[in-house]
Amino acid sequence: MNNKVFIVVEVPLIEEKYEVYIPIGKKIHKVAMILSKAVSELSGGHYPIKENPMLYSKMTGKPYNINMTVKDTDIRNGTEIILI
């Protein structure tokens, strides 16, 4: 799985965490949309799909640039991110 990284996504709105693999070649905006839809499905609709979901670093609290690809960020295997 050289083209994916394993991350932990924390979703404060529903107080849940999910362990997922995300593609390293996709832009953060696209990954955030995919995660938003997946979390909505996994939570049985408790998490509403957002038009512009944002991903934040759990370590720094800073948002990820939506125009960067995953491989161009500090996201690596085991990284914890926050989906808002």
C-alpha atoms as a PDB file:
ATOM      1  CA  MET A   1       0.000   0.000   0.000  1.00  0.00           C
ATOM      2  CA  ASN A   2       2.596   2.528  -1.052  1.00  0.00           C
ATOM      3  CA  ASN A   3      -0.060   4.874  -2.373  1.00  0.00           C
ATOM      4  CA  LYS A   4      -2.056   5.103   0.876  1.00  0.00           C
ATOM      5  CA  VAL A   5      -1.448   6.130   4.483  1.00  0.00           C
ATOM      6  CA  PHE A   6      -3.173   4.875   7.615  1.00  0.00           C
ATOM      7  CA  ILE A   7      -4.655   7.690   9.726  1.00  0.00           C
ATOM      8  CA  VAL A   8      -6.984   8.199  12.656  1.00  0.00           C
ATOM      9  CA  VAL A   9      -9.831  10.627  11.994  1.00  0.00           C
ATOM     10  CA  GLU A  10     -11.421  12.245  15.029  1.00  0.00           C
ATOM     11  CA  VAL A  11     -14.898  13.717  14.539  1.00  0.00           C
ATOM     12  CA  PRO A  12     -15.743  15.987  17.506  1.00  0.00           C
ATOM     13  CA  LEU A  13     -19.320  16.602  16.330  1.00  0.00           C
ATOM     14  CA  ILE A  14     -20.271  12.982  16.989  1.00  0.00           C
ATOM     15  CA  GLU A  15     -17.477  12.170  19.456  1.00  0.00           C
ATOM     16  CA  GLU A  16     -16.110   9.302  17.367  1.00  0.00           C
ATOM     17  CA  LYS A  17     -12.768   8.181  15.926  1.00  0.00           C
ATOM     18  CA  TYR A  18     -12.215   6.167  12.767  1.00  0.00           C
ATOM     19  CA  GLU A  19      -9.115   4.412  11.465  1.00  0.00           C
ATOM     20  CA  VAL A  20      -8.857   4.691   7.685  1.00  0.00           C
ATOM     21  CA  TYR A  21      -6.476   4.548   4.754  1.00  0.00           C
ATOM     22  CA  ILE A  22      -6.366   7.620   2.505  1.00  0.00           C
ATOM     23  CA  PRO A  23      -4.687   8.026  -0.906  1.00  0.00           C
ATOM     24  CA  ILE A  24      -1.519  10.130  -0.870  1.00  0.00           C
ATOM     25  CA  GLY A  25      -2.006  11.478  -4.390  1.00  0.00           C
ATOM     26  CA  LYS A  26      -5.337  13.240  -3.774  1.00  0.00           C
ATOM     27  CA  LYS A  27      -5.778  16.849  -2.702  1.00  0.00           C
ATOM     28  CA  ILE A  28      -6.809  17.520   0.894  1.00  0.00           C
ATOM     29  CA  HIS A  29     -10.145  18.980  -0.262  1.00  0.00           C
ATOM     30  CA  LYS A  30     -11.028  15.744  -2.078  1.00  0.00           C
ATOM     31  CA  VAL A  31      -9.913  13.600   0.879  1.00  0.00           C
ATOM     32  CA  ALA A  32     -12.016  15.736   3.251  1.00  0.00           C
ATOM     33  CA  MET A  33     -15.076  15.204   1.034  1.00  0.00           C
ATOM     34  CA  ILE A  34     -14.480  11.441   0.892  1.00  0.00           C
ATOM     35  CA  LEU A  35     -14.027  11.279   4.679  1.00  0.00           C
ATOM     36  CA  SER A  36     -17.135  13.378   5.273  1.00  0.00           C
ATOM     37  CA  LYS A  37     -19.255  11.012   3.194  1.00  0.00           C
ATOM     38  CA  ALA A  38     -17.700   7.922   4.777  1.00  0.00           C
ATOM     39  CA  VAL A  39     -18.206   9.188   8.337  1.00  0.00           C
ATOM     40  CA  SER A  40     -21.810  10.067   7.534  1.00  0.00           C
ATOM     41  CA  GLU A  41     -22.425   6.507   6.318  1.00  0.00           C
ATOM     42  CA  LEU A  42     -20.514   4.860   9.173  1.00  0.00           C
ATOM     43  CA  SER A  43     -22.351   6.939  11.782  1.00  0.00           C
ATOM     44  CA  GLY A  44     -25.766   6.113  10.352  1.00  0.00           C
ATOM     45  CA  GLY A  45     -26.309   9.718   9.287  1.00  0.00           C
ATOM     46  CA  HIS A  46     -25.424  11.287  12.652  1.00  0.00           C
ATOM     47  CA  TYR A  47     -22.662  13.251  10.929  1.00  0.00           C
ATOM     48  CA  PRO A  48     -24.188  15.508   8.253  1.00  0.00           C
ATOM     49  CA  ILE A  49     -22.253  15.670   4.972  1.00  0.00           C
ATOM     50  CA  LYS A  50     -20.773  19.155   4.766  1.00  0.00           C
ATOM     51  CA  GLU A  51     -20.247  21.207   1.631  1.00  0.00           C
ATOM     52  CA  ASN A  52     -16.723  22.277   2.644  1.00  0.00           C
ATOM     53  CA  PRO A  53     -15.381  19.965   5.351  1.00  0.00           C
ATOM     54  CA  MET A  54     -11.993  20.871   6.825  1.00  0.00           C
ATOM     55  CA  LEU A  55      -9.166  18.712   8.088  1.00  0.00           C
ATOM     56  CA  TYR A  56      -6.982  19.860  10.976  1.00  0.00           C
ATOM     57  CA  SER A  57      -3.812  18.444  12.460  1.00  0.00           C
ATOM     58  CA  LYS A  58      -4.575  17.109  15.925  1.00  0.00           C
ATOM     59  CA  MET A  59      -0.980  17.791  16.977  1.00  0.00           C
ATOM     60  CA  THR A  60      -0.798  21.465  15.912  1.00  0.00           C
ATOM     61  CA  GLY A  61      -4.466  22.418  15.602  1.00  0.00           C
ATOM     62  CA  LYS A  62      -3.736  24.031  12.246  1.00  0.00           C
ATOM     63  CA  PRO A  63      -5.887  23.412   9.168  1.00  0.00           C
ATOM     64  CA  TYR A  64      -4.446  21.573   6.200  1.00  0.00           C
ATOM     65  CA  ASN A  65      -4.206  23.534   2.950  1.00  0.00           C
ATOM     66  CA  ILE A  66      -7.053  22.202   0.800  1.00  0.00           C
ATOM     67  CA  ASN A  67      -5.019  22.643  -2.399  1.00  0.00           C
ATOM     68  CA  MET A  68      -2.105  20.447  -1.298  1.00  0.00           C
ATOM     69  CA  THR A  69      -1.914  16.723  -1.903  1.00  0.00           C
ATOM     70  CA  VAL A  70      -1.651  14.403   1.086  1.00  0.00           C
ATOM     71  CA  LYS A  71       1.955  13.508   0.216  1.00  0.00           C
ATOM     72  CA  ASP A  72       2.927  17.202   0.344  1.00  0.00           C
ATOM     73  CA  THR A  73       1.686  17.564   3.946  1.00  0.00           C
ATOM     74  CA  ASP A  74       2.950  16.109   7.222  1.00  0.00           C
ATOM     75  CA  ILE A  75       0.315  13.353   7.097  1.00  0.00           C
ATOM     76  CA  ARG A  76       2.032   9.989   7.509  1.00  0.00           C
ATOM     77  CA  ASN A  77       1.072   6.552   8.825  1.00  0.00           C
ATOM     78  CA  GLY A  78      -0.451   6.948  12.277  1.00  0.00           C
ATOM     79  CA  THR A  79      -1.212  10.659  11.947  1.00  0.00           C
ATOM     80  CA  GLU A  80      -4.285  11.828  13.856  1.00  0.00           C
ATOM     81  CA  ILE A  81      -6.445  14.419  12.131  1.00  0.00           C
ATOM     82  CA  ILE A  82      -9.672  16.186  13.022  1.00  0.00           C
ATOM     83  CA  LEU A  83     -12.629  16.409  10.623  1.00  0.00           C
ATOM     84  CA  ILE A  84     -14.857  19.430  11.058  1.00  0.00           C
END
